[in-house]
C-alpha cells in the first residue's frame, strides 16, 4: 500500500477506490478521505462474507 497518494495529492487526480484500502482478516479498516468542519468522508474495508 505504499503507492497510495498522500491527502494533498487526492484533489488533483482520479483514483480507484479498491487501490486505496484493503481489508485485514478479522478487522475493520478505515481511511479518512476528506475531513472538514462540515463533515468527514471515510472509506471502510471489511472482510468478505464467507472468508
N, C-alpha and C. Protein backbone atom coordinates (compact mmCIF):
# COMPACT_ATOMS: atom_id res chain seq x y z
N UNK A 1 0.81 -1.20 0.00
CA UNK A 1 0.00 0.00 0.00
C UNK A 1 0.85 1.26 0.00
N UNK A 2 2.11 1.14 -0.31
CA UNK A 2 2.99 2.30 -0.29
C UNK A 2 2.75 3.24 -1.48
N UNK A 3 2.00 2.79 -2.51
CA UNK A 3 1.73 3.62 -3.67
C UNK A 3 0.53 4.53 -3.48
N UNK A 4 -0.10 4.51 -2.31
CA UNK A 4 -1.27 5.33 -2.05
C UNK A 4 -0.84 6.79 -1.92
N UNK A 5 -1.50 7.68 -2.66
CA UNK A 5 -1.14 9.10 -2.59
C UNK A 5 -1.44 9.71 -1.23
N UNK A 6 -0.72 10.76 -0.90
CA UNK A 6 -0.98 11.49 0.35
C UNK A 6 -2.22 12.35 0.18
N UNK A 7 -2.80 12.80 1.29
CA UNK A 7 -4.06 13.55 1.26
C UNK A 7 -4.01 14.76 0.33
N UNK A 8 -2.89 15.49 0.30
CA UNK A 8 -2.83 16.69 -0.54
C UNK A 8 -2.75 16.35 -2.03
N UNK A 9 -2.49 15.11 -2.39
CA UNK A 9 -2.44 14.69 -3.78
C UNK A 9 -3.79 14.19 -4.27
N UNK A 10 -4.74 13.92 -3.38
CA UNK A 10 -6.02 13.34 -3.76
C UNK A 10 -6.90 14.28 -4.55
N UNK A 11 -6.68 15.57 -4.45
CA UNK A 11 -7.54 16.56 -5.10
C UNK A 11 -7.32 16.59 -6.61
N UNK A 12 -6.15 16.27 -7.08
CA UNK A 12 -5.80 16.54 -8.47
C UNK A 12 -5.94 15.37 -9.43
N UNK A 13 -6.34 14.19 -8.98
CA UNK A 13 -6.41 13.07 -9.91
C UNK A 13 -7.48 12.07 -9.49
N UNK A 14 -7.95 11.30 -10.47
CA UNK A 14 -8.91 10.24 -10.17
C UNK A 14 -8.17 9.03 -9.59
N UNK A 15 -8.83 8.36 -8.68
CA UNK A 15 -8.23 7.20 -8.03
C UNK A 15 -9.20 6.03 -8.02
N UNK A 16 -8.68 4.83 -8.02
CA UNK A 16 -9.50 3.64 -7.90
C UNK A 16 -9.65 3.29 -6.42
N UNK A 17 -10.88 3.23 -5.94
CA UNK A 17 -11.13 3.00 -4.52
C UNK A 17 -10.49 1.71 -4.04
N UNK A 18 -10.57 0.65 -4.84
CA UNK A 18 -10.02 -0.63 -4.39
C UNK A 18 -8.50 -0.60 -4.22
N UNK A 19 -7.84 0.40 -4.79
CA UNK A 19 -6.39 0.54 -4.62
C UNK A 19 -6.04 1.41 -3.40
N UNK A 20 -7.02 2.06 -2.80
CA UNK A 20 -6.76 2.98 -1.70
C UNK A 20 -6.76 2.30 -0.33
N UNK A 21 -7.39 1.12 -0.25
CA UNK A 21 -7.53 0.45 1.05
C UNK A 21 -7.72 -1.03 0.80
N UNK A 22 -7.31 -1.85 1.74
CA UNK A 22 -7.56 -3.29 1.65
C UNK A 22 -7.96 -3.78 3.03
N UNK A 23 -8.68 -4.90 3.06
CA UNK A 23 -9.15 -5.41 4.34
C UNK A 23 -8.08 -6.25 5.01
N UNK A 24 -8.19 -6.38 6.32
CA UNK A 24 -7.35 -7.27 7.11
C UNK A 24 -8.26 -8.30 7.73
N UNK A 25 -7.85 -9.53 7.72
CA UNK A 25 -8.67 -10.61 8.25
C UNK A 25 -9.05 -10.34 9.70
N UNK A 26 -10.34 -10.42 9.99
CA UNK A 26 -10.84 -10.23 11.35
C UNK A 26 -10.89 -8.79 11.82
N UNK A 27 -10.67 -7.82 10.92
CA UNK A 27 -10.64 -6.41 11.33
C UNK A 27 -11.49 -5.55 10.39
N UNK A 28 -11.84 -4.38 10.87
CA UNK A 28 -12.45 -3.35 10.04
C UNK A 28 -11.37 -2.28 9.85
N UNK A 29 -11.05 -1.98 8.61
CA UNK A 29 -10.02 -1.00 8.30
C UNK A 29 -10.70 0.25 7.75
N UNK A 30 -10.27 1.42 8.19
CA UNK A 30 -10.86 2.66 7.69
C UNK A 30 -9.77 3.63 7.26
N UNK A 31 -10.16 4.50 6.34
CA UNK A 31 -9.26 5.56 5.88
C UNK A 31 -10.08 6.82 5.65
N UNK A 32 -9.69 7.89 6.29
CA UNK A 32 -10.38 9.17 6.12
C UNK A 32 -9.92 9.79 4.81
N UNK A 33 -10.89 10.04 3.92
CA UNK A 33 -10.58 10.63 2.62
C UNK A 33 -10.69 12.14 2.64
N UNK A 34 -11.64 12.65 3.43
CA UNK A 34 -11.87 14.09 3.49
C UNK A 34 -12.36 14.45 4.88
N UNK A 35 -11.75 15.45 5.49
CA UNK A 35 -12.18 15.88 6.82
C UNK A 35 -12.28 17.40 6.83
N UNK A 36 -13.50 17.88 6.99
CA UNK A 36 -13.78 19.31 7.01
C UNK A 36 -14.62 19.63 8.24
N UNK A 37 -14.82 20.91 8.52
CA UNK A 37 -15.70 21.30 9.62
C UNK A 37 -17.13 20.83 9.39
N UNK A 38 -17.52 20.71 8.14
CA UNK A 38 -18.90 20.33 7.81
C UNK A 38 -19.13 18.82 7.80
N UNK A 39 -18.08 18.02 7.84
CA UNK A 39 -18.25 16.57 7.87
C UNK A 39 -17.01 15.83 7.42
N UNK A 40 -17.10 14.51 7.46
CA UNK A 40 -15.98 13.63 7.13
C UNK A 40 -16.45 12.57 6.15
N UNK A 41 -15.59 12.21 5.19
CA UNK A 41 -15.84 11.10 4.29
C UNK A 41 -14.80 10.03 4.61
N UNK A 42 -15.28 8.85 5.01
CA UNK A 42 -14.40 7.77 5.42
C UNK A 42 -14.68 6.53 4.60
N UNK A 43 -13.63 5.86 4.15
CA UNK A 43 -13.71 4.63 3.39
C UNK A 43 -13.47 3.47 4.36
N UNK A 44 -14.34 2.45 4.32
CA UNK A 44 -14.18 1.29 5.18
C UNK A 44 -13.94 0.04 4.33
N UNK A 45 -13.10 -0.86 4.83
CA UNK A 45 -12.86 -2.16 4.19
C UNK A 45 -13.20 -3.25 5.19
N UNK A 46 -14.05 -4.18 4.77
CA UNK A 46 -14.47 -5.29 5.62
C UNK A 46 -14.10 -6.60 4.94
N UNK A 47 -13.86 -7.61 5.74
CA UNK A 47 -13.56 -8.94 5.20
C UNK A 47 -14.80 -9.46 4.48
N UNK A 48 -14.66 -9.98 3.27
CA UNK A 48 -15.82 -10.51 2.54
C UNK A 48 -16.49 -11.62 3.34
N UNK A 49 -17.80 -11.70 3.26
CA UNK A 49 -18.52 -12.75 3.99
C UNK A 49 -18.17 -14.10 3.40
N UNK A 50 -18.10 -15.11 4.25
CA UNK A 50 -17.74 -16.44 3.82
C UNK A 50 -16.25 -16.67 3.75
N UNK A 51 -15.45 -15.69 4.14
CA UNK A 51 -13.99 -15.84 4.07
C UNK A 51 -13.45 -16.22 5.43
